[in-house]
N, C-alpha and C. Protein backbone atom coordinates (compact mmCIF):
# COMPACT_ATOMS: atom_id res chain seq x y z
N UNK A 1 162.28 95.94 149.25
CA UNK A 1 161.50 96.63 148.29
C UNK A 1 159.99 96.70 148.64
N UNK A 2 159.37 97.84 148.53
CA UNK A 2 158.02 97.98 148.91
C UNK A 2 157.06 97.33 147.90
N UNK A 3 156.00 96.83 148.41
CA UNK A 3 155.01 96.03 147.57
C UNK A 3 154.07 97.05 146.89
N UNK A 4 153.99 96.99 145.58
CA UNK A 4 153.08 97.93 144.88
C UNK A 4 151.64 97.44 144.94
N UNK A 5 150.75 98.39 145.26
CA UNK A 5 149.31 98.09 145.30
C UNK A 5 148.73 98.55 143.98
N UNK A 6 149.11 99.72 143.53
CA UNK A 6 148.66 100.24 142.26
C UNK A 6 149.87 100.51 141.37
N UNK A 7 149.79 100.02 140.17
CA UNK A 7 150.87 100.23 139.18
C UNK A 7 150.25 100.49 137.83
N UNK A 8 150.44 101.71 137.41
CA UNK A 8 149.82 102.16 136.14
C UNK A 8 150.98 102.47 135.15
N UNK A 9 150.82 101.95 133.88
CA UNK A 9 151.91 102.25 132.87
C UNK A 9 151.25 102.83 131.64
N UNK A 10 151.60 104.11 131.36
CA UNK A 10 151.15 104.78 130.14
C UNK A 10 149.63 104.70 129.91
N UNK A 11 148.91 105.08 130.89
CA UNK A 11 147.46 104.95 130.86
C UNK A 11 146.92 106.18 130.00
N UNK A 12 146.23 105.76 128.97
CA UNK A 12 145.51 106.78 128.08
C UNK A 12 144.02 106.57 128.14
N UNK A 13 143.27 107.62 128.28
CA UNK A 13 141.80 107.48 128.32
C UNK A 13 141.20 108.50 127.28
N UNK A 14 140.52 107.92 126.34
CA UNK A 14 139.92 108.70 125.29
C UNK A 14 138.45 108.44 125.18
N UNK A 15 137.66 109.54 125.06
CA UNK A 15 136.25 109.43 124.85
C UNK A 15 135.86 109.68 123.42
N UNK A 16 134.78 109.08 122.96
CA UNK A 16 134.39 109.17 121.54
C UNK A 16 135.49 108.72 120.62
N UNK A 17 136.11 107.68 120.97
CA UNK A 17 137.31 107.14 120.20
C UNK A 17 136.89 106.94 118.78
N UNK A 18 137.72 107.47 117.86
CA UNK A 18 137.60 107.28 116.44
C UNK A 18 136.54 108.29 115.79
N UNK A 19 135.90 109.09 116.66
CA UNK A 19 134.93 110.02 116.06
C UNK A 19 135.58 111.39 115.95
N UNK A 20 134.91 112.29 115.12
CA UNK A 20 135.46 113.55 114.90
C UNK A 20 135.75 114.44 116.18
N UNK A 21 134.85 114.18 117.17
CA UNK A 21 134.94 114.91 118.46
C UNK A 21 135.73 114.10 119.50
N UNK A 22 136.60 113.22 119.08
CA UNK A 22 137.41 112.35 119.96
C UNK A 22 138.18 113.29 120.97
N UNK A 23 138.14 112.87 122.16
CA UNK A 23 138.76 113.73 123.23
C UNK A 23 139.58 112.83 124.15
N UNK A 24 140.87 113.12 124.18
CA UNK A 24 141.77 112.38 125.02
C UNK A 24 141.95 113.08 126.42
N UNK A 25 141.53 112.41 127.45
CA UNK A 25 141.48 113.00 128.82
C UNK A 25 142.77 112.76 129.59
N UNK A 26 143.27 111.54 129.47
CA UNK A 26 144.53 111.15 130.15
C UNK A 26 145.59 110.81 129.08
N UNK A 27 146.78 111.41 129.23
CA UNK A 27 147.76 111.34 128.20
C UNK A 27 149.02 110.58 128.67
N UNK A 28 148.86 109.29 128.99
CA UNK A 28 149.98 108.51 129.24
C UNK A 28 150.42 108.60 130.66
N UNK A 29 149.59 108.25 131.62
CA UNK A 29 149.89 108.35 133.06
C UNK A 29 150.61 107.14 133.53
N UNK A 30 151.74 107.42 134.30
CA UNK A 30 152.57 106.47 134.92
C UNK A 30 152.43 106.69 136.39
N UNK A 31 151.93 105.78 137.21
CA UNK A 31 151.80 106.06 138.62
C UNK A 31 151.82 104.67 139.37
N UNK A 32 152.69 104.66 140.45
CA UNK A 32 152.75 103.54 141.35
C UNK A 32 152.44 104.02 142.82
N UNK A 33 151.65 103.23 143.46
CA UNK A 33 151.37 103.56 144.88
C UNK A 33 151.71 102.25 145.63
N UNK A 34 152.53 102.37 146.66
CA UNK A 34 153.02 101.23 147.49
C UNK A 34 152.00 100.93 148.60
N UNK A 35 152.08 99.71 149.03
CA UNK A 35 151.23 99.29 150.20
C UNK A 35 151.50 100.18 151.41
N UNK A 36 150.47 100.66 152.03
CA UNK A 36 150.65 101.49 153.25
C UNK A 36 150.95 102.95 153.02
N UNK A 37 150.90 103.42 151.74
CA UNK A 37 151.18 104.87 151.52
C UNK A 37 149.83 105.65 151.70
N UNK A 38 149.97 106.88 152.09
CA UNK A 38 148.77 107.85 152.03
C UNK A 38 149.15 108.91 150.95
N UNK A 39 148.50 108.80 149.84
CA UNK A 39 148.81 109.62 148.68
C UNK A 39 147.67 110.43 148.31
N UNK A 40 147.92 111.70 147.98
CA UNK A 40 146.87 112.59 147.44
C UNK A 40 147.08 112.77 145.95
N UNK A 41 145.99 112.69 145.13
CA UNK A 41 146.02 113.11 143.74
C UNK A 41 145.29 114.41 143.68
N UNK A 42 146.07 115.52 143.43
CA UNK A 42 145.48 116.87 143.51
C UNK A 42 145.39 117.43 142.11
N UNK A 43 144.33 118.14 141.86
CA UNK A 43 144.18 118.84 140.59
C UNK A 43 142.93 119.61 140.56
N UNK A 44 142.92 120.67 139.71
CA UNK A 44 141.71 121.49 139.54
C UNK A 44 140.62 120.69 138.82
N UNK A 45 139.37 121.25 138.80
CA UNK A 45 138.30 120.66 138.06
C UNK A 45 138.69 120.66 136.60
N UNK A 46 138.51 119.46 135.94
CA UNK A 46 138.85 119.36 134.53
C UNK A 46 140.25 118.91 134.31
N UNK A 47 140.98 118.56 135.37
CA UNK A 47 142.45 118.14 135.22
C UNK A 47 142.54 116.68 134.81
N UNK A 48 141.45 115.90 134.99
CA UNK A 48 141.56 114.47 134.70
C UNK A 48 141.58 113.66 135.90
N UNK A 49 141.58 114.26 137.15
CA UNK A 49 141.74 113.47 138.32
C UNK A 49 140.51 112.49 138.57
N UNK A 50 139.35 112.96 138.23
CA UNK A 50 138.12 112.09 138.41
C UNK A 50 138.21 110.90 137.43
N UNK A 51 138.58 111.10 136.21
CA UNK A 51 138.78 110.01 135.24
C UNK A 51 139.81 109.10 135.75
N UNK A 52 140.95 109.57 136.24
CA UNK A 52 141.96 108.66 136.82
C UNK A 52 141.37 107.90 138.02
N UNK A 53 140.65 108.60 138.84
CA UNK A 53 140.04 107.89 140.02
C UNK A 53 139.14 106.70 139.59
N UNK A 54 138.31 106.94 138.50
CA UNK A 54 137.45 105.92 138.05
C UNK A 54 138.25 104.71 137.53
N UNK A 55 139.35 104.90 136.92
CA UNK A 55 140.19 103.84 136.45
C UNK A 55 140.86 103.08 137.67
N UNK A 56 141.44 103.84 138.59
CA UNK A 56 142.03 103.22 139.79
C UNK A 56 141.00 102.42 140.52
N UNK A 57 139.74 102.88 140.63
CA UNK A 57 138.69 102.19 141.33
C UNK A 57 137.99 101.07 140.57
N UNK A 58 138.53 100.81 139.34
CA UNK A 58 137.99 99.73 138.46
C UNK A 58 136.47 100.07 138.10
N UNK A 59 136.13 101.33 138.15
CA UNK A 59 134.79 101.77 137.73
C UNK A 59 134.77 102.01 136.20
N UNK A 60 135.90 102.21 135.60
CA UNK A 60 136.02 102.46 134.12
C UNK A 60 137.25 101.82 133.67
N UNK A 61 137.30 101.61 132.34
CA UNK A 61 138.52 101.00 131.74
C UNK A 61 139.34 102.06 130.95
N UNK A 62 140.63 101.96 130.97
CA UNK A 62 141.48 102.87 130.21
C UNK A 62 141.35 102.43 128.72
N UNK A 63 141.65 103.37 127.83
CA UNK A 63 141.68 103.11 126.37
C UNK A 63 142.91 102.26 126.03
N UNK A 64 144.01 102.59 126.55
CA UNK A 64 145.24 101.81 126.41
C UNK A 64 146.14 102.00 127.65
N UNK A 65 147.23 101.19 127.67
CA UNK A 65 148.09 101.21 128.90
C UNK A 65 147.74 100.08 129.70
N UNK A 66 148.59 99.80 130.74
CA UNK A 66 148.42 98.72 131.70
C UNK A 66 148.19 99.16 133.09
N UNK A 67 147.30 98.48 133.74
CA UNK A 67 146.94 98.72 135.18
C UNK A 67 147.03 97.44 135.95
N UNK A 68 147.92 97.43 136.92
CA UNK A 68 148.01 96.28 137.82
C UNK A 68 147.56 96.64 139.21
N UNK A 69 146.62 95.96 139.76
CA UNK A 69 146.12 96.22 141.12
C UNK A 69 146.49 95.05 141.94
N UNK A 70 147.30 95.33 142.96
CA UNK A 70 147.87 94.17 143.78
C UNK A 70 148.61 93.15 142.88
N UNK A 71 149.26 93.70 141.95
CA UNK A 71 150.08 92.87 140.96
C UNK A 71 149.19 92.00 140.03
N UNK A 72 147.88 92.26 139.99
CA UNK A 72 147.03 91.56 139.04
C UNK A 72 146.68 92.45 137.91
N UNK A 73 146.71 91.90 136.69
CA UNK A 73 146.49 92.68 135.49
C UNK A 73 144.92 92.96 135.34
N UNK A 74 144.53 94.22 135.62
CA UNK A 74 143.11 94.55 135.55
C UNK A 74 142.54 94.40 134.16
N UNK A 75 143.39 94.66 133.18
CA UNK A 75 142.90 94.50 131.71
C UNK A 75 142.40 93.17 131.44
N UNK A 76 142.94 92.15 132.15
CA UNK A 76 142.53 90.74 131.86
C UNK A 76 141.33 90.29 132.55
N UNK A 77 140.80 91.12 133.47
CA UNK A 77 139.71 90.65 134.37
C UNK A 77 138.35 90.80 133.63
N UNK A 78 137.51 89.75 133.91
CA UNK A 78 136.15 89.76 133.42
C UNK A 78 135.38 90.80 134.30
N UNK A 79 134.20 91.20 133.78
CA UNK A 79 133.31 92.15 134.52
C UNK A 79 133.01 91.58 135.91
N UNK A 80 132.81 90.32 136.03
CA UNK A 80 132.47 89.72 137.31
C UNK A 80 133.60 89.87 138.30
N UNK A 81 134.79 89.63 137.87
CA UNK A 81 135.97 89.73 138.70
C UNK A 81 136.13 91.18 139.07
N UNK A 82 136.04 92.13 138.14
CA UNK A 82 136.16 93.56 138.38
C UNK A 82 135.11 93.98 139.45
N UNK A 83 133.87 93.47 139.32
CA UNK A 83 132.85 93.83 140.31
C UNK A 83 133.25 93.38 141.71
N UNK A 84 133.77 92.12 141.80
CA UNK A 84 134.17 91.58 143.05
C UNK A 84 135.33 92.40 143.72
N UNK A 85 136.25 92.80 142.88
CA UNK A 85 137.34 93.63 143.32
C UNK A 85 136.86 94.99 143.87
N UNK A 86 135.94 95.58 143.14
CA UNK A 86 135.32 96.88 143.67
C UNK A 86 134.68 96.69 145.03
N UNK A 87 134.09 95.54 145.24
CA UNK A 87 133.35 95.33 146.45
C UNK A 87 134.27 94.94 147.58
N UNK A 88 135.33 94.09 147.34
CA UNK A 88 136.12 93.57 148.40
C UNK A 88 137.53 94.21 148.59
N UNK A 89 138.12 94.71 147.57
CA UNK A 89 139.50 95.19 147.66
C UNK A 89 139.62 96.69 147.67
N UNK A 90 138.57 97.40 147.30
CA UNK A 90 138.58 98.86 147.28
C UNK A 90 137.43 99.39 148.15
N UNK A 91 137.75 100.25 149.09
CA UNK A 91 136.76 100.99 149.87
C UNK A 91 136.56 102.34 149.37
N UNK A 92 135.35 102.64 148.93
CA UNK A 92 135.09 103.95 148.32
C UNK A 92 134.45 104.90 149.35
N UNK A 93 135.02 106.15 149.30
CA UNK A 93 134.39 107.22 150.14
C UNK A 93 134.11 108.41 149.16
N UNK A 94 132.94 108.77 149.06
CA UNK A 94 132.54 109.84 148.07
C UNK A 94 132.16 111.17 148.78
N UNK A 95 132.25 112.22 148.04
CA UNK A 95 131.91 113.55 148.54
C UNK A 95 130.50 113.65 149.05
N UNK A 96 129.59 113.00 148.32
CA UNK A 96 128.17 113.10 148.72
C UNK A 96 127.69 111.91 149.51
N UNK A 97 128.57 111.15 150.03
CA UNK A 97 128.30 110.08 151.02
C UNK A 97 127.73 108.82 150.36
N UNK A 98 126.70 108.97 149.42
CA UNK A 98 126.12 107.77 148.70
C UNK A 98 125.54 106.82 149.73
N UNK A 99 124.87 107.33 150.69
CA UNK A 99 124.18 106.42 151.62
C UNK A 99 122.73 106.18 151.13
N UNK A 100 122.19 104.96 151.50
CA UNK A 100 120.82 104.63 151.17
C UNK A 100 119.89 105.37 152.13
N UNK A 101 119.07 106.29 151.58
CA UNK A 101 118.25 107.13 152.44
C UNK A 101 117.26 106.48 153.40
N UNK A 102 116.78 105.32 153.01
CA UNK A 102 115.76 104.59 153.86
C UNK A 102 116.38 103.61 154.83
N UNK A 103 117.64 103.44 154.71
CA UNK A 103 118.32 102.44 155.61
C UNK A 103 119.04 103.18 156.67
N UNK A 104 119.05 102.55 157.88
CA UNK A 104 119.74 103.27 158.98
C UNK A 104 121.29 103.08 158.86
N UNK A 105 122.02 103.68 159.74
CA UNK A 105 123.43 103.64 159.63
C UNK A 105 124.03 102.18 159.62
N UNK A 106 123.46 101.39 160.49
CA UNK A 106 123.90 99.95 160.54
C UNK A 106 123.72 99.23 159.25
N UNK A 107 122.54 99.39 158.65
CA UNK A 107 122.25 98.71 157.40
C UNK A 107 123.12 99.28 156.26
N UNK A 108 123.35 100.57 156.23
CA UNK A 108 124.19 101.19 155.23
C UNK A 108 125.66 100.52 155.36
N UNK A 109 126.15 100.44 156.51
CA UNK A 109 127.47 99.82 156.66
C UNK A 109 127.50 98.40 156.21
N UNK A 110 126.43 97.72 156.28
CA UNK A 110 126.34 96.28 155.98
C UNK A 110 126.23 96.08 154.42
N UNK A 111 125.94 97.07 153.68
CA UNK A 111 125.64 96.91 152.24
C UNK A 111 126.70 96.18 151.47
N UNK A 112 128.00 96.50 151.64
CA UNK A 112 129.00 95.64 150.84
C UNK A 112 128.99 94.12 151.15
N UNK A 113 128.55 93.82 152.38
CA UNK A 113 128.58 92.36 152.76
C UNK A 113 127.46 91.66 152.00
N UNK A 114 126.39 92.35 151.62
CA UNK A 114 125.30 91.74 150.83
C UNK A 114 125.63 91.43 149.49
N UNK A 115 126.65 92.07 148.92
CA UNK A 115 127.04 91.84 147.58
C UNK A 115 128.19 90.88 147.41
N UNK A 116 128.71 90.31 148.57
CA UNK A 116 129.85 89.42 148.58
C UNK A 116 129.45 88.05 148.03
N UNK A 117 130.36 87.28 147.75
CA UNK A 117 130.12 85.93 147.22
C UNK A 117 129.51 85.04 148.24
N UNK A 118 129.89 85.22 149.48
CA UNK A 118 129.22 84.37 150.54
C UNK A 118 128.63 85.31 151.58
N UNK A 119 127.54 84.95 152.10
CA UNK A 119 126.92 85.76 153.16
C UNK A 119 127.87 85.69 154.38
N UNK A 120 128.20 86.87 154.85
CA UNK A 120 129.17 86.92 155.98
C UNK A 120 128.38 86.67 157.23
N UNK A 121 128.84 85.77 158.04
CA UNK A 121 128.25 85.48 159.30
C UNK A 121 128.55 86.61 160.21
N UNK A 122 127.64 86.83 161.16
CA UNK A 122 127.86 87.97 162.14
C UNK A 122 127.98 89.24 161.42
N UNK A 123 127.26 89.49 160.36
CA UNK A 123 127.40 90.77 159.56
C UNK A 123 127.08 91.94 160.47
N UNK A 124 126.01 91.79 161.27
CA UNK A 124 125.58 92.90 162.16
C UNK A 124 126.69 93.23 163.17
N UNK A 125 127.30 92.25 163.73
CA UNK A 125 128.35 92.50 164.75
C UNK A 125 129.54 93.19 164.07
N UNK A 126 129.88 92.71 162.86
CA UNK A 126 130.99 93.30 162.06
C UNK A 126 130.69 94.80 161.76
N UNK A 127 129.47 95.04 161.37
CA UNK A 127 129.05 96.43 161.03
C UNK A 127 129.11 97.31 162.25
N UNK A 128 128.68 96.76 163.42
CA UNK A 128 128.66 97.51 164.65
C UNK A 128 130.17 97.85 165.08
N UNK A 129 131.07 96.88 164.84
CA UNK A 129 132.43 97.12 165.10
C UNK A 129 133.03 98.29 164.30
N UNK A 130 132.62 98.34 163.04
CA UNK A 130 133.04 99.42 162.13
C UNK A 130 132.45 100.76 162.60
N UNK A 131 131.23 100.75 162.99
CA UNK A 131 130.57 102.00 163.49
C UNK A 131 131.28 102.48 164.77
N UNK A 132 131.65 101.53 165.65
CA UNK A 132 132.34 101.91 166.88
C UNK A 132 133.75 102.45 166.53
N UNK A 133 134.36 101.95 165.45
CA UNK A 133 135.69 102.42 165.10
C UNK A 133 135.61 103.89 164.68
N UNK A 134 134.52 104.33 164.15
CA UNK A 134 134.34 105.76 163.69
C UNK A 134 133.49 106.55 164.67
N UNK A 135 133.34 105.99 165.90
CA UNK A 135 132.62 106.73 167.03
C UNK A 135 131.15 107.01 166.58
N UNK A 136 130.52 106.03 165.89
CA UNK A 136 129.15 106.17 165.52
C UNK A 136 128.20 105.07 166.03
N UNK A 137 128.66 104.26 166.94
CA UNK A 137 127.83 103.15 167.40
C UNK A 137 126.53 103.62 167.98
N UNK A 138 126.53 104.76 168.59
CA UNK A 138 125.31 105.27 169.28
C UNK A 138 124.36 105.85 168.22
N UNK A 139 124.74 105.94 166.98
CA UNK A 139 123.83 106.40 165.91
C UNK A 139 123.42 105.27 164.93
N UNK A 140 123.61 104.00 165.36
CA UNK A 140 123.42 102.87 164.44
C UNK A 140 122.01 102.81 163.89
N UNK A 141 121.00 103.27 164.67
CA UNK A 141 119.67 103.16 164.19
C UNK A 141 119.12 104.42 163.60
N UNK A 142 119.97 105.40 163.35
CA UNK A 142 119.60 106.70 162.72
C UNK A 142 119.73 106.56 161.19
N UNK A 143 118.71 107.16 160.44
CA UNK A 143 118.77 107.23 159.04
C UNK A 143 119.63 108.43 158.64
N UNK A 144 120.12 108.44 157.42
CA UNK A 144 120.91 109.58 156.91
C UNK A 144 120.35 110.97 157.23
N UNK A 145 119.02 111.04 157.03
CA UNK A 145 118.42 112.44 157.23
C UNK A 145 118.41 112.83 158.71
N UNK A 146 118.87 111.96 159.62
CA UNK A 146 118.93 112.21 161.03
C UNK A 146 120.39 112.46 161.45
N UNK A 147 121.28 112.44 160.51
CA UNK A 147 122.67 112.64 160.78
C UNK A 147 123.22 113.95 160.16
N UNK A 148 124.29 114.46 160.77
CA UNK A 148 124.91 115.69 160.25
C UNK A 148 125.90 115.10 159.10
N UNK A 149 126.40 116.12 158.34
CA UNK A 149 127.27 115.76 157.24
C UNK A 149 128.53 114.98 157.67
N UNK A 150 129.12 115.41 158.77
CA UNK A 150 130.29 114.63 159.29
C UNK A 150 129.93 113.25 159.73
N UNK A 151 128.75 113.13 160.36
CA UNK A 151 128.36 111.74 160.80
C UNK A 151 128.06 110.87 159.60
N UNK A 152 127.42 111.44 158.57
CA UNK A 152 127.20 110.68 157.33
C UNK A 152 128.53 110.17 156.74
N UNK A 153 129.54 111.04 156.77
CA UNK A 153 130.73 110.64 156.17
C UNK A 153 131.47 109.51 157.03
N UNK A 154 131.28 109.65 158.34
CA UNK A 154 131.92 108.60 159.08
C UNK A 154 131.19 107.27 158.88
N UNK A 155 129.91 107.28 158.69
CA UNK A 155 129.17 106.04 158.31
C UNK A 155 129.72 105.52 157.06
N UNK A 156 129.97 106.42 156.07
CA UNK A 156 130.44 106.06 154.72
C UNK A 156 131.84 105.42 154.88
N UNK A 157 132.67 105.95 155.81
CA UNK A 157 134.03 105.40 156.00
C UNK A 157 133.92 103.99 156.66
N UNK A 158 133.04 103.83 157.55
CA UNK A 158 132.80 102.54 158.19
C UNK A 158 132.35 101.54 157.13
N UNK A 159 131.48 101.90 156.16
CA UNK A 159 131.09 101.08 155.11
C UNK A 159 132.22 100.68 154.20
N UNK A 160 133.03 101.73 153.92
CA UNK A 160 134.25 101.40 153.05
C UNK A 160 135.21 100.46 153.68
N UNK A 161 135.26 100.37 155.06
CA UNK A 161 136.19 99.54 155.75
C UNK A 161 135.68 98.15 155.96
N UNK A 162 134.42 97.85 155.80
CA UNK A 162 133.88 96.60 156.35
C UNK A 162 134.43 95.31 155.71
N UNK A 163 134.85 95.47 154.48
CA UNK A 163 135.42 94.24 153.80
C UNK A 163 136.98 94.25 153.92
N UNK A 164 137.52 95.05 154.89
CA UNK A 164 138.98 95.12 155.02
C UNK A 164 139.64 95.27 153.65
N UNK A 165 139.39 96.32 152.97
CA UNK A 165 139.98 96.57 151.62
C UNK A 165 141.43 96.81 151.61
N UNK A 166 142.09 96.55 150.46
CA UNK A 166 143.51 96.90 150.28
C UNK A 166 143.69 98.34 150.16
N UNK A 167 142.72 99.03 149.57
CA UNK A 167 142.82 100.47 149.29
C UNK A 167 141.62 101.18 149.69
N UNK A 168 141.82 102.41 150.31
CA UNK A 168 140.67 103.27 150.56
C UNK A 168 140.79 104.38 149.51
N UNK A 169 139.79 104.51 148.73
CA UNK A 169 139.79 105.51 147.62
C UNK A 169 138.79 106.61 147.92
N UNK A 170 139.28 107.75 148.29
CA UNK A 170 138.41 108.82 148.81
C UNK A 170 138.31 110.00 147.79
N UNK A 171 137.16 110.27 147.28
CA UNK A 171 136.99 111.28 146.26
C UNK A 171 136.38 112.51 146.87
N UNK A 172 137.18 113.52 147.11
CA UNK A 172 136.81 114.81 147.72
C UNK A 172 135.96 114.55 149.04
N UNK A 173 136.48 113.77 149.95
CA UNK A 173 135.68 113.29 151.01
C UNK A 173 135.24 114.42 151.95
N UNK A 174 135.90 115.52 151.94
CA UNK A 174 135.53 116.71 152.85
C UNK A 174 134.78 117.76 152.08
N UNK A 175 134.53 117.51 150.78
CA UNK A 175 134.07 118.64 149.86
C UNK A 175 132.69 119.18 150.34
N UNK A 176 131.79 118.28 150.96
CA UNK A 176 130.48 118.73 151.40
C UNK A 176 130.48 119.15 152.86
N UNK A 177 131.61 119.21 153.52
CA UNK A 177 131.72 119.47 154.97
C UNK A 177 132.31 120.84 155.27
N UNK A 178 131.95 121.39 156.39
CA UNK A 178 132.60 122.61 156.82
C UNK A 178 134.01 122.32 157.26
N UNK A 179 134.93 123.29 157.46
CA UNK A 179 136.22 123.14 157.68
C UNK A 179 136.62 122.26 158.91
N UNK A 180 135.93 122.55 160.01
CA UNK A 180 136.23 121.78 161.30
C UNK A 180 135.82 120.35 161.09
N UNK A 181 134.62 120.03 160.51
CA UNK A 181 134.30 118.67 160.29
C UNK A 181 135.16 117.96 159.31
N UNK A 182 135.61 118.71 158.29
CA UNK A 182 136.52 118.12 157.31
C UNK A 182 137.83 117.69 157.98
N UNK A 183 138.31 118.45 158.92
CA UNK A 183 139.53 118.09 159.62
C UNK A 183 139.31 116.83 160.50
N UNK A 184 138.13 116.72 161.02
CA UNK A 184 137.82 115.44 161.87
C UNK A 184 137.79 114.23 160.94
N UNK A 185 137.26 114.41 159.77
CA UNK A 185 137.29 113.26 158.76
C UNK A 185 138.65 112.91 158.36
N UNK A 186 139.50 113.96 158.09
CA UNK A 186 140.87 113.67 157.72
C UNK A 186 141.65 113.00 158.89
N UNK A 187 141.29 113.41 160.08
CA UNK A 187 141.98 112.68 161.19
C UNK A 187 141.67 111.18 161.24
N UNK A 188 140.43 110.90 160.82
CA UNK A 188 140.00 109.48 160.75
C UNK A 188 140.79 108.71 159.65
N UNK A 189 141.05 109.36 158.54
CA UNK A 189 141.83 108.69 157.48
C UNK A 189 143.24 108.50 158.03
N UNK A 190 143.80 109.51 158.76
CA UNK A 190 145.12 109.31 159.30
C UNK A 190 145.23 108.14 160.25
N UNK A 191 144.16 107.99 161.15
CA UNK A 191 144.14 106.91 162.02
C UNK A 191 144.11 105.61 161.30
N UNK A 192 143.33 105.50 160.22
CA UNK A 192 143.22 104.18 159.51
C UNK A 192 144.60 103.90 158.82
N UNK A 193 145.23 104.89 158.41
CA UNK A 193 146.59 104.80 157.79
C UNK A 193 147.65 104.35 158.78
N UNK A 194 147.66 105.16 159.91
CA UNK A 194 148.73 104.97 160.86
C UNK A 194 148.52 103.71 161.75
N UNK A 195 147.28 103.51 162.12
CA UNK A 195 147.04 102.43 163.17
C UNK A 195 146.78 101.08 162.41
N UNK A 196 146.16 101.10 161.20
CA UNK A 196 145.84 99.88 160.47
C UNK A 196 146.71 99.64 159.30
N UNK A 197 147.57 100.68 158.97
CA UNK A 197 148.39 100.48 157.82
C UNK A 197 147.69 100.48 156.50
N UNK A 198 146.52 101.13 156.40
CA UNK A 198 145.79 101.14 155.20
C UNK A 198 146.43 102.04 154.13
N UNK A 199 146.29 101.56 152.86
CA UNK A 199 146.76 102.44 151.74
C UNK A 199 145.59 103.33 151.42
N UNK A 200 145.83 104.64 151.46
CA UNK A 200 144.73 105.62 151.23
C UNK A 200 145.14 106.47 150.07
N UNK A 201 144.23 106.56 149.12
CA UNK A 201 144.37 107.46 147.91
C UNK A 201 143.28 108.52 147.98
N UNK A 202 143.68 109.73 148.22
CA UNK A 202 142.79 110.84 148.35
C UNK A 202 142.75 111.69 147.08
N UNK A 203 141.58 111.85 146.51
CA UNK A 203 141.39 112.71 145.29
C UNK A 203 140.89 113.98 145.77
N UNK A 204 141.59 115.12 145.51
CA UNK A 204 141.11 116.43 145.98
C UNK A 204 141.61 117.54 145.08
N UNK A 205 140.89 118.63 145.20
CA UNK A 205 141.40 119.90 144.46
C UNK A 205 142.10 120.79 145.53
N UNK A 206 142.09 120.40 146.86
CA UNK A 206 142.54 121.19 147.95
C UNK A 206 143.94 121.00 148.19
N UNK A 207 144.80 122.01 148.01
CA UNK A 207 146.27 121.92 148.35
C UNK A 207 146.42 121.73 149.86
N UNK A 208 145.56 122.33 150.65
CA UNK A 208 145.62 122.23 152.07
C UNK A 208 145.50 120.82 152.55
N UNK A 209 144.49 120.14 152.00
CA UNK A 209 144.28 118.67 152.39
C UNK A 209 145.43 117.82 151.86
N UNK A 210 145.83 118.11 150.62
CA UNK A 210 146.93 117.29 150.06
C UNK A 210 148.20 117.46 150.89
N UNK A 211 148.35 118.63 151.50
CA UNK A 211 149.64 118.84 152.29
C UNK A 211 149.64 118.00 153.58
N UNK A 212 148.46 117.39 153.92
CA UNK A 212 148.37 116.49 155.09
C UNK A 212 148.86 115.12 154.75
N UNK A 213 149.02 114.75 153.52
CA UNK A 213 149.34 113.36 153.18
C UNK A 213 150.79 113.24 153.01
N UNK A 214 151.19 111.88 152.93
CA UNK A 214 152.71 111.66 152.80
C UNK A 214 153.24 112.08 151.49
N UNK A 215 152.38 112.00 150.47
CA UNK A 215 152.92 112.17 149.12
C UNK A 215 151.82 112.86 148.22
N UNK A 216 152.26 113.84 147.48
CA UNK A 216 151.26 114.62 146.67
C UNK A 216 151.61 114.46 145.17
N UNK A 217 150.68 113.86 144.45
CA UNK A 217 150.76 113.68 143.01
C UNK A 217 149.92 114.76 142.36
N UNK A 218 150.41 115.66 141.54
CA UNK A 218 149.71 116.72 140.93
C UNK A 218 149.41 116.44 139.49
N UNK A 219 148.08 116.49 139.10
CA UNK A 219 147.68 116.25 137.78
C UNK A 219 147.15 117.57 137.15
N UNK A 220 147.51 117.73 135.91
CA UNK A 220 147.14 118.98 135.18
C UNK A 220 147.02 118.61 133.68
N UNK A 221 145.77 118.89 133.21
CA UNK A 221 145.57 118.63 131.78
C UNK A 221 145.84 117.20 131.39
N UNK A 222 145.46 116.28 132.26
CA UNK A 222 145.59 114.86 131.94
C UNK A 222 146.95 114.29 132.01
N UNK A 223 147.91 115.12 132.62
CA UNK A 223 149.29 114.54 132.83
C UNK A 223 149.71 114.80 134.28
N UNK A 224 150.56 113.89 134.78
CA UNK A 224 151.17 114.16 136.06
C UNK A 224 152.36 115.06 135.98
N UNK A 225 152.17 116.26 136.63
CA UNK A 225 153.18 117.31 136.53
C UNK A 225 153.96 117.45 137.83
N UNK A 226 153.63 116.66 138.83
CA UNK A 226 154.38 116.77 140.12
C UNK A 226 154.16 115.50 140.92
N UNK A 227 155.19 115.15 141.67
CA UNK A 227 155.06 113.94 142.55
C UNK A 227 156.13 114.16 143.61
N UNK A 228 155.63 114.64 144.80
CA UNK A 228 156.64 115.01 145.88
C UNK A 228 156.10 114.55 147.25
N UNK A 229 156.95 114.61 148.21
CA UNK A 229 156.58 114.30 149.61
C UNK A 229 155.64 115.32 150.14
N UNK A 230 154.68 114.94 150.91
CA UNK A 230 153.73 115.89 151.61
C UNK A 230 154.27 116.36 152.92
N UNK A 231 153.34 116.70 153.78
CA UNK A 231 153.76 117.27 155.04
C UNK A 231 153.64 116.35 156.24
N UNK A 232 153.26 115.07 155.96
CA UNK A 232 152.99 114.22 157.12
C UNK A 232 154.04 113.13 157.07
C-alpha cells in the first residue's frame, strides 16, 4: 500500500463566514496524494485551485474538514509547528520567483536554512550543491536582476529543495516564462521526481503542462470534477 503524503477529507473553505456576503470557495474536497507522485491540479482562474494550494501548503486553514500531511493532523498543529512544516517539509516554487532582490543567488538559496530551528552547518556548501543541481553554480554571486526568468526559477527550485522537503508545491511555475524556458523548468521537476523520488504537486491552468504529469486532478467551481492519469 502506498504511503499517503497528502490526505484531505471533505475540505470546505468559506470566506466572510456567518456574514451576509459569505462565500464558499471549496465545497467538500477529497484528495489524496501518495509519496513519490507527480500530480497536477488544473483549473481556470477562479476555480479554487489557489485556495486549495494555500491549504495544502499550510499557508491557510480550511473552514471545516480534515487535512493530514505525512499522516499528521494539520488541524491540531500550533502556528509554530505549521511554520516549521512550511519551512522544512514543503518546498514552494512560485510563478513570480519570490527571490530577495538584494541577495545573490547563493544567499537566496540559503534563506530557508536561516529560519530553521538550528543553524545548519556548512549552509553555504549545501546551497552550492543545490545550485549545481539546477546548473546554476556559475551564477551563485549574481543578483536576481542579473538573471533571466528561467535562471531565477532555477534558483527558486534550488531554494525549495535545500531542506530536502517531502513535497514540492509549484504554483504556476512556468507562468512568467516563455515556452522554451518553461519546458526546461518542467524538465527539472521531472528530474527531481524521477531521480530523487520527490512528490511534486503542480498547480496550473495549462492543460499542456498538466499532460506532462502522472496524474491530473481537475478542479472547477470549488469541486474536483476529474482525476485521471496523465501522459507521463
